[in-house]
Every structure is written in C-alpha cells, then in structure tokens.
Protein backbone atom coordinates (compact mmCIF):
# COMPACT_ATOMS: atom_id res chain seq x y z
CA UNK A 1 15.95 14.87 5.26
CA UNK A 2 18.81 12.78 3.12
CA UNK A 3 19.82 10.98 6.10
CA UNK A 4 16.85 10.04 7.40
CA UNK A 5 15.52 8.61 4.26
CA UNK A 6 18.99 6.48 4.05
CA UNK A 7 18.35 5.57 7.77
CA UNK A 8 15.08 3.89 6.27
CA UNK A 9 16.52 2.35 3.36
CA UNK A 10 19.47 0.78 5.46
CA UNK A 11 17.08 -0.28 8.04
CA UNK A 12 14.79 -2.34 5.38
CA UNK A 13 18.09 -3.86 3.88
CA UNK A 14 19.34 -4.85 7.16
CA UNK A 15 15.96 -6.18 8.25
CA UNK A 16 15.96 -8.34 4.96
CA UNK A 17 18.92 -10.11 6.31
CA UNK A 18 16.40 -11.56 9.06
CA UNK A 19 13.22 -11.94 7.75
CA UNK A 20 10.78 -12.11 4.55
CA UNK A 21 10.38 -8.23 4.20
CA UNK A 22 6.25 -7.24 3.40
CA UNK A 23 7.03 -5.34 0.23
CA UNK A 24 10.09 -4.98 -1.50
CA UNK A 25 12.12 -1.55 -1.35
CA UNK A 26 13.45 -1.70 -4.77
CA UNK A 27 12.09 -1.28 -8.34
CA UNK A 28 14.06 -2.15 -11.84
CA UNK A 29 11.61 -1.18 -14.15
CA UNK A 30 11.91 -0.99 -17.52
CA UNK A 31 10.02 2.47 -18.93
CA UNK A 32 10.53 1.70 -22.82
CA UNK A 33 11.46 -1.01 -25.28
CA UNK A 34 12.79 1.36 -27.76
CA UNK A 35 16.72 1.76 -28.57
CA UNK A 36 18.37 3.18 -30.80
CA UNK A 37 21.15 1.07 -30.28
CA UNK A 38 22.66 -1.89 -32.12
CA UNK A 39 24.27 -4.00 -29.31
CA UNK A 40 26.02 -7.34 -30.45
CA UNK A 41 25.20 -8.54 -27.19
CA UNK A 42 21.59 -7.50 -26.60
CA UNK A 43 18.70 -7.94 -29.09
CA UNK A 44 16.51 -4.79 -27.58
CA UNK A 45 16.72 -2.62 -30.43
CA UNK A 46 15.04 -5.20 -32.64
CA UNK A 47 11.47 -4.89 -30.64
CA UNK A 48 9.18 -2.56 -32.13
CA UNK A 49 7.06 -1.93 -28.28
CA UNK A 50 3.18 -1.40 -28.69
CA UNK A 51 1.01 -0.69 -25.45
CA UNK A 52 3.64 0.16 -23.13
CA UNK A 53 2.61 1.78 -19.95
CA UNK A 54 1.06 5.31 -20.57
CA UNK A 55 1.99 7.90 -18.03
CA UNK A 56 -0.77 8.03 -16.57
CA UNK A 57 -0.83 4.17 -15.16
CA UNK A 58 2.23 4.62 -14.34
CA UNK A 59 1.37 7.70 -12.13
CA UNK A 60 -1.20 5.44 -10.72
CA UNK A 61 1.52 2.67 -10.26
CA UNK A 62 3.42 5.25 -8.10
CA UNK A 63 0.56 6.24 -6.05
CA UNK A 64 -0.60 2.65 -4.89
CA UNK A 65 2.96 1.26 -4.58
CA UNK A 66 4.09 4.19 -2.64
CA UNK A 67 7.13 2.27 -0.70
CA UNK A 68 10.28 1.94 -2.78
CA UNK A 69 13.46 3.56 -1.17
CA UNK A 70 15.25 2.82 -4.74
CA UNK A 71 14.42 2.74 -8.07
CA UNK A 72 16.09 2.13 -11.39
CA UNK A 73 14.52 3.34 -14.50
CA UNK A 74 15.91 1.14 -17.33
CA UNK A 75 15.31 0.19 -20.97
CA UNK A 76 15.53 -0.25 -24.22
CA UNK A 77 17.09 3.79 -23.79
CA UNK A 78 15.17 5.55 -21.07
CA UNK A 79 15.53 8.96 -22.44
CA UNK A 80 13.57 7.99 -25.34
CA UNK A 81 10.66 8.49 -22.67
CA UNK A 82 9.80 12.05 -23.29
CA UNK A 83 7.88 12.07 -20.44
CA UNK A 84 10.97 10.64 -18.28
CA UNK A 85 10.53 14.00 -15.91
CA UNK A 86 7.38 13.46 -15.28
CA UNK A 87 7.74 9.28 -14.59
CA UNK A 88 10.54 10.60 -12.06
CA UNK A 89 8.51 12.98 -10.78
CA UNK A 90 5.53 10.43 -10.28
CA UNK A 91 7.84 8.16 -8.18
CA UNK A 92 9.53 11.57 -6.18
CA UNK A 93 5.86 12.63 -5.10
CA UNK A 94 4.21 9.46 -4.37
CA UNK A 95 7.09 7.84 -2.64
CA UNK A 96 8.62 9.89 0.22
CA UNK A 97 11.22 7.61 1.61
CA UNK A 98 12.94 7.19 -2.00
CA UNK A 99 16.82 7.84 -1.10
CA UNK A 100 18.47 6.77 -4.54
CA UNK A 101 17.26 6.63 -8.62
CA UNK A 102 19.54 5.01 -11.21
CA UNK A 103 19.19 5.18 -14.46
CA UNK A 104 21.20 4.18 -18.05
CA UNK A 105 22.31 5.51 -20.66
CA UNK A 106 23.63 5.15 -24.54
CA UNK A 107 24.20 8.88 -24.95
CA UNK A 108 22.54 8.90 -28.24
CA UNK A 109 19.52 11.01 -27.49
CA UNK A 110 20.00 14.63 -28.08
CA UNK A 111 23.43 15.86 -25.51
CA UNK A 112 21.39 19.23 -25.06
CA UNK A 113 17.62 17.53 -24.36
CA UNK A 114 19.44 14.75 -22.03
CA UNK A 115 21.30 17.33 -20.16
CA UNK A 116 18.68 19.70 -19.62
CA UNK A 117 16.20 16.49 -18.77
CA UNK A 118 18.84 15.32 -16.00
CA UNK A 119 18.94 18.72 -14.38
CA UNK A 120 15.19 18.92 -13.85
CA UNK A 121 15.24 15.73 -12.34
CA UNK A 122 18.52 16.67 -10.40
CA UNK A 123 16.18 19.78 -8.61
CA UNK A 124 13.41 17.41 -7.40
CA UNK A 125 16.41 16.55 -4.67
CA UNK A 126 16.27 13.12 -4.41
CA UNK A 127 19.32 11.97 -2.52
CA UNK A 128 21.31 10.13 -4.80
CA UNK A 129 20.85 9.72 -8.78
CA UNK A 130 23.40 7.54 -10.59
CA UNK A 131 23.77 8.12 -13.78
CA UNK A 132 25.69 4.88 -15.75
CA UNK A 133 27.10 5.99 -19.43
CA UNK A 134 27.12 2.92 -21.75
CA UNK A 135 30.69 2.24 -22.26
CA UNK A 136 32.31 -1.02 -23.80
CA UNK A 137 35.21 -0.30 -25.50
CA UNK A 138 37.70 2.34 -26.98
CA UNK A 139 36.58 4.30 -29.84
CA UNK A 140 36.42 1.73 -32.57
CA UNK A 141 35.60 -1.36 -30.54
CA UNK A 142 32.52 0.55 -28.51
CA UNK A 143 31.64 2.01 -31.80
CA UNK A 144 31.17 -1.61 -33.13
CA UNK A 145 30.03 -3.72 -30.55
CA UNK A 146 27.03 -0.81 -30.22
CA UNK A 147 26.64 -0.95 -33.88
CA UNK A 148 26.63 3.24 -34.14
CA UNK A 149 29.64 4.85 -35.61
CA UNK A 150 30.12 7.98 -33.10
CA UNK A 151 28.59 6.32 -30.33
CA UNK A 152 31.68 6.54 -28.23
CA UNK A 153 32.46 10.01 -28.30
CA UNK A 154 28.82 10.74 -27.52
CA UNK A 155 29.53 8.66 -24.08
CA UNK A 156 32.64 11.06 -23.51
CA UNK A 157 30.37 13.76 -24.23
CA UNK A 158 27.98 13.00 -22.13
CA UNK A 159 29.92 12.57 -19.00
CA UNK A 160 31.34 15.83 -19.55
CA UNK A 161 28.43 17.29 -19.27
CA UNK A 162 27.37 15.37 -16.10
CA UNK A 163 30.28 16.38 -14.49
CA UNK A 164 29.17 20.22 -15.08
CA UNK A 165 26.17 19.59 -13.64
CA UNK A 166 27.54 17.57 -10.65
CA UNK A 167 29.43 20.98 -9.85
CA UNK A 168 26.08 22.38 -9.48
CA UNK A 169 23.86 19.54 -8.19
CA UNK A 170 26.20 16.99 -5.43
CA UNK A 171 23.12 14.45 -5.67
CA UNK A 172 24.27 13.41 -9.32
CA UNK A 173 26.76 10.79 -9.57
CA UNK A 174 28.06 8.87 -13.00
CA UNK A 175 29.90 6.22 -13.78
CA UNK A 176 30.95 4.38 -16.64
CA UNK A 177 28.98 1.00 -17.52
CA UNK A 178 30.88 -1.93 -19.17
CA UNK A 179 29.46 -5.03 -19.91
CA UNK A 180 32.30 -7.69 -20.58
CA UNK A 181 31.77 -9.87 -23.18
CA UNK A 182 33.47 -12.27 -25.76
CA UNK A 183 33.91 -9.05 -27.66
CA UNK A 184 35.81 -7.24 -25.69
CA UNK A 185 37.64 -9.37 -24.18
CA UNK A 186 40.86 -8.58 -22.90
CA UNK A 187 40.41 -4.70 -23.77
CA UNK A 188 39.12 -3.68 -20.69
CA UNK A 189 42.31 -1.64 -19.80
CA UNK A 190 43.06 -0.57 -23.04
CA UNK A 191 39.30 1.26 -23.19
CA UNK A 192 40.48 2.64 -19.81
CA UNK A 193 43.23 4.42 -20.93
CA UNK A 194 41.37 5.71 -24.01
CA UNK A 195 38.99 7.27 -21.36
CA UNK A 196 41.89 8.40 -19.13
CA UNK A 197 43.17 10.39 -21.75
CA UNK A 198 40.02 12.45 -22.63
CA UNK A 199 38.82 12.84 -19.19
CA UNK A 200 41.73 13.20 -16.77
CA UNK A 201 40.03 13.38 -13.98
CA UNK A 202 38.41 9.36 -13.82
CA UNK A 203 40.28 6.50 -12.10
CA UNK A 204 39.14 2.74 -11.67
CA UNK A 205 36.30 3.67 -9.53
CA UNK A 206 34.94 5.44 -12.56
CA UNK A 207 34.00 2.05 -14.22
CA UNK A 208 31.91 -0.12 -13.38
CA UNK A 209 31.98 -3.50 -14.79
CA UNK A 210 29.29 -6.13 -15.67
CA UNK A 211 29.50 -9.34 -17.82
CA UNK A 212 27.36 -10.18 -20.51
CA UNK A 213 24.07 -12.16 -19.96
CA UNK A 214 21.05 -14.26 -21.61
CA UNK A 215 17.65 -12.94 -20.74
CA UNK A 216 14.69 -13.27 -22.58
CA UNK A 217 12.23 -10.46 -20.96
CA UNK A 218 15.50 -7.86 -20.60
CA UNK A 219 18.11 -8.32 -23.55
CA UNK A 220 15.87 -10.33 -25.81
CA UNK A 221 19.06 -12.40 -26.36
CA UNK A 222 18.12 -15.55 -24.89
CA UNK A 223 17.60 -17.70 -27.99
CA UNK A 224 20.42 -16.96 -29.81
CA UNK A 225 22.05 -20.30 -28.82
CA UNK A 226 25.76 -18.64 -28.80
CA UNK A 227 26.71 -17.65 -25.34
CA UNK A 228 28.17 -13.66 -25.55
CA UNK A 229 30.45 -14.72 -22.32
CA UNK A 230 33.95 -14.56 -22.90
CA UNK A 231 36.62 -17.60 -21.45
CA UNK A 232 35.53 -17.53 -18.12
CA UNK A 233 39.35 -18.22 -16.52
CA UNK A 234 40.51 -14.93 -19.18
CA UNK A 235 37.92 -13.05 -17.83
CA UNK A 236 38.31 -14.18 -14.17
CA UNK A 237 42.24 -12.58 -14.69
CA UNK A 238 41.03 -9.29 -16.30
CA UNK A 239 38.29 -8.79 -13.81
CA UNK A 240 40.74 -9.09 -10.93
CA UNK A 241 43.29 -7.06 -12.38
CA UNK A 242 41.27 -4.06 -12.61
CA UNK A 243 39.93 -4.45 -9.33
CA UNK A 244 43.56 -4.23 -8.07
CA UNK A 245 43.99 -1.33 -9.38
CA UNK A 246 40.63 0.60 -7.74
CA UNK A 247 40.80 3.09 -5.00
CA UNK A 248 39.61 1.68 -1.50
CA UNK A 249 37.64 4.70 -0.62
CA UNK A 250 35.12 4.80 2.04
CA UNK A 251 31.42 4.59 1.94
CA UNK A 252 28.66 2.20 2.04
CA UNK A 253 28.39 2.62 -1.78
CA UNK A 254 32.11 1.36 -2.06
CA UNK A 255 31.61 -1.30 0.11
CA UNK A 256 28.93 -2.49 -1.30
CA UNK A 257 30.83 -2.20 -5.03
CA UNK A 258 33.36 -3.70 -3.77
CA UNK A 259 31.76 -6.81 -2.49
CA UNK A 260 30.13 -6.51 -5.81
CA UNK A 261 33.06 -7.47 -7.80
CA UNK A 262 34.89 -10.31 -5.76
CA UNK A 263 31.72 -11.57 -5.67
CA UNK A 264 31.57 -11.35 -10.00
CA UNK A 265 35.26 -12.54 -10.16
CA UNK A 266 33.97 -15.64 -7.85
CA UNK A 267 30.76 -16.19 -10.20
CA UNK A 268 32.62 -15.93 -13.30
CA UNK A 269 35.26 -18.56 -12.40
CA UNK A 270 32.07 -21.00 -11.07
CA UNK A 271 29.44 -20.03 -13.39
CA UNK A 272 27.87 -20.29 -9.56
CA UNK A 273 25.46 -17.37 -7.80
CA UNK A 274 28.13 -16.26 -4.91
CA UNK A 275 24.81 -16.33 -2.31
CA UNK A 276 21.21 -16.94 -2.63
CA UNK A 277 19.24 -14.01 -4.36
CA UNK A 278 16.79 -11.55 -2.95
CA UNK A 279 14.42 -11.30 -6.08
CA UNK A 280 10.92 -11.12 -4.93
CA UNK A 281 11.90 -10.25 -1.21
CA UNK A 282 13.71 -7.05 -1.91
CA UNK A 283 13.04 -6.06 -5.31
CA UNK A 284 11.67 -6.96 -8.35
CA UNK A 285 11.61 -5.83 -12.29
CA UNK A 286 8.30 -4.91 -14.10
CA UNK A 287 8.53 -4.20 -17.93
CA UNK A 288 7.27 -1.51 -19.72
CA UNK A 289 4.02 -3.58 -20.45
CA UNK A 290 3.72 -3.84 -16.03
CA UNK A 291 4.63 -7.24 -16.55
CA UNK A 292 5.86 -8.49 -13.13
CA UNK A 293 9.45 -10.95 -12.69
CA UNK A 294 11.13 -11.79 -9.74
CA UNK A 295 14.37 -10.22 -11.90
CA UNK A 296 15.38 -9.17 -15.32
CA UNK A 297 17.32 -12.54 -15.74
CA UNK A 298 14.27 -14.47 -14.84
CA UNK A 299 11.62 -14.44 -17.26
CA UNK A 300 9.15 -16.29 -15.03
CA UNK A 301 6.13 -13.46 -14.79
CA UNK A 302 4.58 -13.42 -11.76
CA UNK A 303 1.07 -11.28 -12.57
CA UNK A 304 0.64 -7.74 -14.22
CA UNK A 305 -0.31 -4.82 -12.70
CA UNK A 306 -2.75 -4.10 -15.21
CA UNK A 307 -4.95 -7.00 -13.76
CA UNK A 308 -4.56 -5.68 -10.23
CA UNK A 309 -5.90 -2.40 -10.68
CA UNK A 310 -1.96 -1.44 -10.46
CA UNK A 311 -1.37 -2.64 -6.82
CA UNK A 312 1.74 -4.81 -6.57
CA UNK A 313 0.22 -6.27 -3.45
CA UNK A 314 -1.94 -8.95 -4.72
CA UNK A 315 1.09 -9.90 -7.35
CA UNK A 316 3.37 -9.87 -4.36
CA UNK A 317 1.14 -12.48 -2.40
CA UNK A 318 0.20 -14.60 -4.72
CA UNK A 319 0.54 -18.41 -5.02
CA UNK A 320 3.35 -17.62 -8.61
CA UNK A 321 5.18 -15.85 -5.69
CA UNK A 322 5.31 -18.03 -3.25
CA UNK A 323 6.15 -20.95 -5.56
CA UNK A 324 9.18 -18.39 -7.29
CA UNK A 325 10.59 -18.08 -3.48
CA UNK A 326 10.25 -21.27 -2.38
CA UNK A 327 12.54 -22.13 -5.97
CA UNK A 328 15.04 -19.17 -4.42
CA UNK A 329 15.63 -20.93 -1.15
CA UNK A 330 16.28 -24.23 -2.65
CA UNK A 331 18.70 -22.35 -4.98
CA UNK A 332 17.15 -22.93 -7.79
CA UNK A 333 17.17 -19.61 -10.29
CA UNK A 334 18.79 -18.80 -12.77
CA UNK A 335 22.07 -18.16 -12.83
CA UNK A 336 23.50 -14.72 -12.96
CA UNK A 337 25.44 -11.58 -11.08
CA UNK A 338 24.40 -8.55 -12.38
CA UNK A 339 24.31 -5.07 -10.01
CA UNK A 340 20.47 -5.26 -10.69
CA UNK A 341 20.33 -7.53 -8.04
CA UNK A 342 23.31 -8.37 -6.70
CA UNK A 343 23.17 -4.98 -4.45
CA UNK A 344 19.97 -5.86 -2.46
CA UNK A 345 21.52 -9.44 -2.35
CA UNK A 346 24.63 -8.21 -0.70
CA UNK A 347 23.41 -6.31 1.68
CA UNK A 348 20.51 -8.80 2.23
CA UNK A 349 23.54 -11.28 3.23
CA UNK A 350 25.66 -8.46 5.37
CA UNK A 351 28.61 -10.31 5.95
CA UNK A 352 29.16 -10.84 2.59
CA UNK A 353 30.50 -7.16 2.18
CA UNK A 354 33.22 -7.49 5.12
C-alpha cells in the first residue's frame, strides 16, 4: 500500500512538469498561531488568535478535499492544539492517497504528552511521518534566539524521545530544523558539534537548513523594517561548507534535499528565485482561520474555505487564483526559497534534481 501511495505522489509530481494540475497534491496548513516561543526572527508568538478553525470545520474540509498526498501541519506550535491527533486522523481517513505528513515542533510542550500523541499518529499507518525539531544554535545561542531558557535541552530530549519511537515505528523520521539568520551567522558548525556530543548518532544530514524570511501571514514579521538575513556572501559560504560534509545517501528525499540545498546557495547569493514556483498549482498555504494563500510568503488572499462551505474547488478556479498564476508565470512572485514550497517546485522542474 505504501508503494502505491508513493507511486501516486510521484506520478502527480511528474505530471506537474508538463501541465497545470487540476488540484494541488500538497497542503501546508497552519493549524494554530499559538506559540510559546519568543523568537527574535518571528513574531507569531505576539498573535492572540481567536476564531481559528474548529475540529469539526477541519473534518469537513478534509472530507470535501480528499485528494492531498502530502500534508504539512504547521503553526505556531502545532502540538498546542489538544486535538492534533484528531486533526491528523481526519486527513488520514479522508485522503486515501496520503503518503507524507510533516510537522515542526519547538519542543516546549510537555515531552511525554507530545511523544504520546506522536505515537498515536504513527499508529495510523501514514507511510512517512517527518518531525522537524527547531534548533537554531548551541545551548546558549538557541535559548537566546528562541527567548526561552532551557529550550535547547528540551529540543535534544525531544529528539532522543523520537529516536526511541523510531525503533518501533519505521515510518518516522526526524531532523533538526536550523533557520539561518543574522542572529546565528557563522555558528552552524559549532551548533552541530555540540549536538553531536549529546547525540553521537547524528550526521550532517540530520540538520535541515532554511534561511530566515519575512512574511506577514506566516511569521508576522514583515513590518519590522529590519532584515533578519545574515550577510549574503558569508551565509552562502557557510551553507556550502556544511553541504560539503553531508553524506551522499540515496533515495527520493535525499535527492530532493541535495537539490534544495544547492539552490539555496544560489538563492542566498543572488536573492533571486532559482526557478519558477509551483504555488497554486502543486500546493497552497491555508492559515488557521481557513484563509487560502499561494504560499507561506505571499500574503495575497485568494479565498476562504468558510465562504465556500469548506470546498477548495471554487477558490482554486476563481479569478484571483488565475491572476496569481499569471504573475507566477511572469516571475513576479515573492522571492523566497523555503522547503515549504521548494520541494514541490523542484519536482515540478525535474531536471533541476540532477
């Protein structure tokens, strides 16, 4: 069954190279804007969300849009939704071809509770479940960037807890998510060395790298008037040096990750998109209120599922969506290169993988 679901995902991604898809295969869904972190590069934690989608609304959305093969549940902190297991189950039961579920965590929730919920999710049998543990520096640096004393140690403990779960659930994978900004410029290798001392099993491949970005709908930081990026030349050199130490493993995800990192260096150097994106084609972003956007970086609302009885189809084909796609074809989308959109962009430009 897992092989069949992977094949369906692969064929849909391949088809996106030649034609506009009738429906997206990836959903990035911020299930809540609640967050306990106090990050220097993100202002989500300042939001006091009210009126977020209820579990019943999410179930109805999943039932009416049952074609997603890849779902990313984001936040805020996703595990602050006490009903996260029920949310995952709603998509698992409705989306029969669901192959990949990805989720980040800041590790600040109760560890035992979070691991128990993760086990419930893993028991559902989704072929691939990937958890990204936020870690932006060595102990003192990470705690300073995230604004929470002890956060580094909680992240390490969460990783170790997931390692134990992986012994029983082979569908689980986990990585450290390192967001590179001016706040941790030049500290990636030092961070890796400290984590390696605490978790000897990790390799450079265990770290997933992103660069900081501005977004009013995702990070709520576009109005700060201050760039959070490090010096581009220095940042590109740091990323390239880290990439050179990664093991060249085989597999579909490894291939895409290598291509993502190669193009990340290009993006950091030039500030330009390495290739045309696949927003509102392969994927979309939906916030915790049901508003639909092309991507996490593009705050151009194309509709709300609350206005369409929770069906995405009327939004997908409306005039605003067509206008956004036209801008993308003209190269006028926001300049960014984040994993939330880059992976499907890469498989939609399959030559870029090699």
